Amino acid sequence: MNQEVTDFINAVEQPWQVEVCNRLRQLIHEQVPSIEERIQYRKPHFLKNGKYAAVVAPAKGWVSFAIFNASELHPPDGLFEDGPPERRTVKIREKDAVDYDLLAELFKQASGPL
């Protein structure tokens, strides 16, 4: 794991956001053990074979989790924000019940072909 990403996550002000960021980071590494991580555009980016696979981005009231190469995913309605089909984003808020297993499976499916 990249120390720069660790420092970034640990510097997030809200403890619940730190927890969500760490949980997402863990599921990314569990699904793609060879994933490369780095800070780019002031956010943690995760790359597989040099291609973007995911981004974790804390914001004022949520943590965004973007999955790249997502055109072929079939997520439940309402899970992701509107946006381009090749990049799907979910916003996780403090009180949300998050299905991390579902996010892990969707991430695994999207990153498989990379």
C-alpha atoms as a PDB file:
ATOM      1  CA  MET A   1       0.000   0.000   0.000  1.00  0.00           C
ATOM      2  CA  ASN A   2       1.127   3.501  -0.818  1.00  0.00           C
ATOM      3  CA  GLN A   3       2.051   5.609   2.226  1.00  0.00           C
ATOM      4  CA  GLU A   4       0.838   8.753   0.465  1.00  0.00           C
ATOM      5  CA  VAL A   5      -2.653   7.228   0.201  1.00  0.00           C
ATOM      6  CA  THR A   6      -2.508   6.134   3.853  1.00  0.00           C
ATOM      7  CA  ASP A   7      -1.552   9.664   4.913  1.00  0.00           C
ATOM      8  CA  PHE A   8      -4.313  11.144   2.750  1.00  0.00           C
ATOM      9  CA  ILE A   9      -6.984   8.935   4.317  1.00  0.00           C
ATOM     10  CA  ASN A  10      -5.698   9.510   7.858  1.00  0.00           C
ATOM     11  CA  ALA A  11      -5.893  13.284   7.288  1.00  0.00           C
ATOM     12  CA  VAL A  12      -9.635  13.192   6.494  1.00  0.00           C
ATOM     13  CA  GLU A  13     -11.446  15.155   9.220  1.00  0.00           C
ATOM     14  CA  GLN A  14     -14.543  13.034   9.791  1.00  0.00           C
ATOM     15  CA  PRO A  15     -13.853   9.677  11.508  1.00  0.00           C
ATOM     16  CA  TRP A  16     -16.743   7.983   9.684  1.00  0.00           C
ATOM     17  CA  GLN A  17     -15.216   9.054   6.346  1.00  0.00           C
ATOM     18  CA  VAL A  18     -11.836   7.623   7.373  1.00  0.00           C
ATOM     19  CA  GLU A  19     -13.595   4.346   8.160  1.00  0.00           C
ATOM     20  CA  VAL A  20     -15.434   4.289   4.806  1.00  0.00           C
ATOM     21  CA  CYS A  21     -12.257   5.163   2.859  1.00  0.00           C
ATOM     22  CA  ASN A  22     -10.312   2.399   4.605  1.00  0.00           C
ATOM     23  CA  ARG A  23     -13.098  -0.111   4.020  1.00  0.00           C
ATOM     24  CA  LEU A  24     -13.253   0.747   0.312  1.00  0.00           C
ATOM     25  CA  ARG A  25      -9.468   0.592   0.040  1.00  0.00           C
ATOM     26  CA  GLN A  26      -9.478  -2.826   1.668  1.00  0.00           C
ATOM     27  CA  LEU A  27     -12.147  -4.221  -0.664  1.00  0.00           C
ATOM     28  CA  ILE A  28     -10.240  -2.885  -3.684  1.00  0.00           C
ATOM     29  CA  HIS A  29      -7.072  -4.682  -2.578  1.00  0.00           C
ATOM     30  CA  GLU A  30      -8.977  -7.875  -1.769  1.00  0.00           C
ATOM     31  CA  GLN A  31     -10.518  -7.993  -5.248  1.00  0.00           C
ATOM     32  CA  VAL A  32      -7.341  -7.012  -7.128  1.00  0.00           C
ATOM     33  CA  PRO A  33      -4.275  -7.821  -4.998  1.00  0.00           C
ATOM     34  CA  SER A  34      -1.931  -6.394  -7.660  1.00  0.00           C
ATOM     35  CA  ILE A  35      -3.690  -3.002  -7.720  1.00  0.00           C
ATOM     36  CA  GLU A  36      -1.456   0.068  -7.790  1.00  0.00           C
ATOM     37  CA  GLU A  37      -2.523   3.083  -5.781  1.00  0.00           C
ATOM     38  CA  ARG A  38      -1.471   6.713  -5.874  1.00  0.00           C
ATOM     39  CA  ILE A  39      -2.657  10.213  -5.184  1.00  0.00           C
ATOM     40  CA  GLN A  40      -3.660  11.903  -8.409  1.00  0.00           C
ATOM     41  CA  TYR A  41      -5.809  15.013  -8.799  1.00  0.00           C
ATOM     42  CA  ARG A  42      -5.736  15.209  -4.975  1.00  0.00           C
ATOM     43  CA  LYS A  43      -7.598  11.886  -4.562  1.00  0.00           C
ATOM     44  CA  PRO A  44      -6.643   8.232  -4.125  1.00  0.00           C
ATOM     45  CA  HIS A  45      -6.674   6.504  -7.513  1.00  0.00           C
ATOM     46  CA  PHE A  46      -6.377   2.755  -8.011  1.00  0.00           C
ATOM     47  CA  LEU A  47      -4.917   1.346 -11.221  1.00  0.00           C
ATOM     48  CA  LYS A  48      -4.723  -2.139 -12.699  1.00  0.00           C
ATOM     49  CA  ASN A  49      -2.176  -2.681 -15.453  1.00  0.00           C
ATOM     50  CA  GLY A  50      -1.776   1.098 -15.699  1.00  0.00           C
ATOM     51  CA  LYS A  51      -5.498   1.678 -16.284  1.00  0.00           C
ATOM     52  CA  TYR A  52      -7.867   3.457 -13.918  1.00  0.00           C
ATOM     53  CA  ALA A  53      -9.947   0.984 -11.922  1.00  0.00           C
ATOM     54  CA  ALA A  54     -11.371   3.115  -9.074  1.00  0.00           C
ATOM     55  CA  VAL A  55     -11.226   6.410  -7.195  1.00  0.00           C
ATOM     56  CA  VAL A  56     -12.110   7.050  -3.552  1.00  0.00           C
ATOM     57  CA  ALA A  57     -12.869  10.704  -2.830  1.00  0.00           C
ATOM     58  CA  PRO A  58     -14.090  12.131   0.472  1.00  0.00           C
ATOM     59  CA  ALA A  59     -16.157  15.315   0.150  1.00  0.00           C
ATOM     60  CA  LYS A  60     -18.000  17.555   2.577  1.00  0.00           C
ATOM     61  CA  GLY A  61     -20.859  15.175   3.401  1.00  0.00           C
ATOM     62  CA  TRP A  62     -20.023  11.909   1.671  1.00  0.00           C
ATOM     63  CA  VAL A  63     -17.367   9.625   0.236  1.00  0.00           C
ATOM     64  CA  SER A  64     -17.522   8.974  -3.497  1.00  0.00           C
ATOM     65  CA  PHE A  65     -16.501   5.596  -4.850  1.00  0.00           C
ATOM     66  CA  ALA A  66     -16.060   5.586  -8.628  1.00  0.00           C
ATOM     67  CA  ILE A  67     -15.648   2.353 -10.558  1.00  0.00           C
ATOM     68  CA  PHE A  68     -14.120   2.596 -14.030  1.00  0.00           C
ATOM     69  CA  ASN A  69     -14.675   0.269 -17.002  1.00  0.00           C
ATOM     70  CA  ALA A  70     -18.235  -0.118 -15.733  1.00  0.00           C
ATOM     71  CA  SER A  71     -20.207  -0.169 -19.011  1.00  0.00           C
ATOM     72  CA  GLU A  72     -21.068  -3.856 -18.682  1.00  0.00           C
ATOM     73  CA  LEU A  73     -22.193  -3.711 -15.032  1.00  0.00           C
ATOM     74  CA  HIS A  74     -25.814  -4.320 -14.108  1.00  0.00           C
ATOM     75  CA  PRO A  75     -26.182  -2.698 -10.676  1.00  0.00           C
ATOM     76  CA  PRO A  76     -29.452  -2.336  -8.798  1.00  0.00           C
ATOM     77  CA  ASP A  77     -31.435   0.753  -9.794  1.00  0.00           C
ATOM     78  CA  GLY A  78     -30.556   3.810  -7.757  1.00  0.00           C
ATOM     79  CA  LEU A  79     -27.184   2.562  -6.527  1.00  0.00           C
ATOM     80  CA  PHE A  80     -25.055   4.848  -8.694  1.00  0.00           C
ATOM     81  CA  GLU A  81     -25.275   8.543  -9.473  1.00  0.00           C
ATOM     82  CA  ASP A  82     -26.161   9.585 -13.012  1.00  0.00           C
ATOM     83  CA  GLY A  83     -23.109   9.802 -15.217  1.00  0.00           C
ATOM     84  CA  PRO A  84     -21.279   8.120 -18.047  1.00  0.00           C
ATOM     85  CA  PRO A  85     -21.773   4.338 -18.165  1.00  0.00           C
ATOM     86  CA  GLU A  86     -18.023   3.688 -18.303  1.00  0.00           C
ATOM     87  CA  ARG A  87     -17.557   5.334 -14.894  1.00  0.00           C
ATOM     88  CA  ARG A  88     -20.153   4.644 -12.192  1.00  0.00           C
ATOM     89  CA  THR A  89     -20.114   6.528  -8.887  1.00  0.00           C
ATOM     90  CA  VAL A  90     -21.837   5.881  -5.582  1.00  0.00           C
ATOM     91  CA  LYS A  91     -21.973   8.528  -2.845  1.00  0.00           C
ATOM     92  CA  ILE A  92     -21.778   7.082   0.651  1.00  0.00           C
ATOM     93  CA  ARG A  93     -23.135   9.268   3.446  1.00  0.00           C
ATOM     94  CA  GLU A  94     -22.624   8.858   7.180  1.00  0.00           C
ATOM     95  CA  LYS A  95     -25.848   7.021   8.032  1.00  0.00           C
ATOM     96  CA  ASP A  96     -26.042   4.934   4.835  1.00  0.00           C
ATOM     97  CA  ALA A  97     -26.273   1.165   5.087  1.00  0.00           C
ATOM     98  CA  VAL A  98     -23.573   0.164   2.617  1.00  0.00           C
ATOM     99  CA  ASP A  99     -23.509  -3.194   0.884  1.00  0.00           C
ATOM    100  CA  TYR A 100     -19.722  -3.533   0.667  1.00  0.00           C
ATOM    101  CA  ASP A 101     -20.064  -7.078  -0.683  1.00  0.00           C
ATOM    102  CA  LEU A 102     -22.072  -5.769  -3.646  1.00  0.00           C
ATOM    103  CA  LEU A 103     -19.571  -2.956  -4.258  1.00  0.00           C
ATOM    104  CA  ALA A 104     -16.728  -5.494  -4.114  1.00  0.00           C
ATOM    105  CA  GLU A 105     -18.442  -7.742  -6.640  1.00  0.00           C
ATOM    106  CA  LEU A 106     -19.179  -4.847  -9.022  1.00  0.00           C
ATOM    107  CA  PHE A 107     -15.597  -3.607  -8.715  1.00  0.00           C
ATOM    108  CA  LYS A 108     -14.267  -7.116  -9.386  1.00  0.00           C
ATOM    109  CA  GLN A 109     -16.450  -7.470 -12.484  1.00  0.00           C
ATOM    110  CA  ALA A 110     -15.433  -4.067 -13.873  1.00  0.00           C
ATOM    111  CA  SER A 111     -11.725  -4.439 -13.192  1.00  0.00           C
ATOM    112  CA  GLY A 112     -11.459  -8.030 -14.445  1.00  0.00           C
ATOM    113  CA  PRO A 113     -10.866  -7.149 -18.118  1.00  0.00           C
ATOM    114  CA  LEU A 114      -8.326  -4.402 -17.360  1.00  0.00           C
END
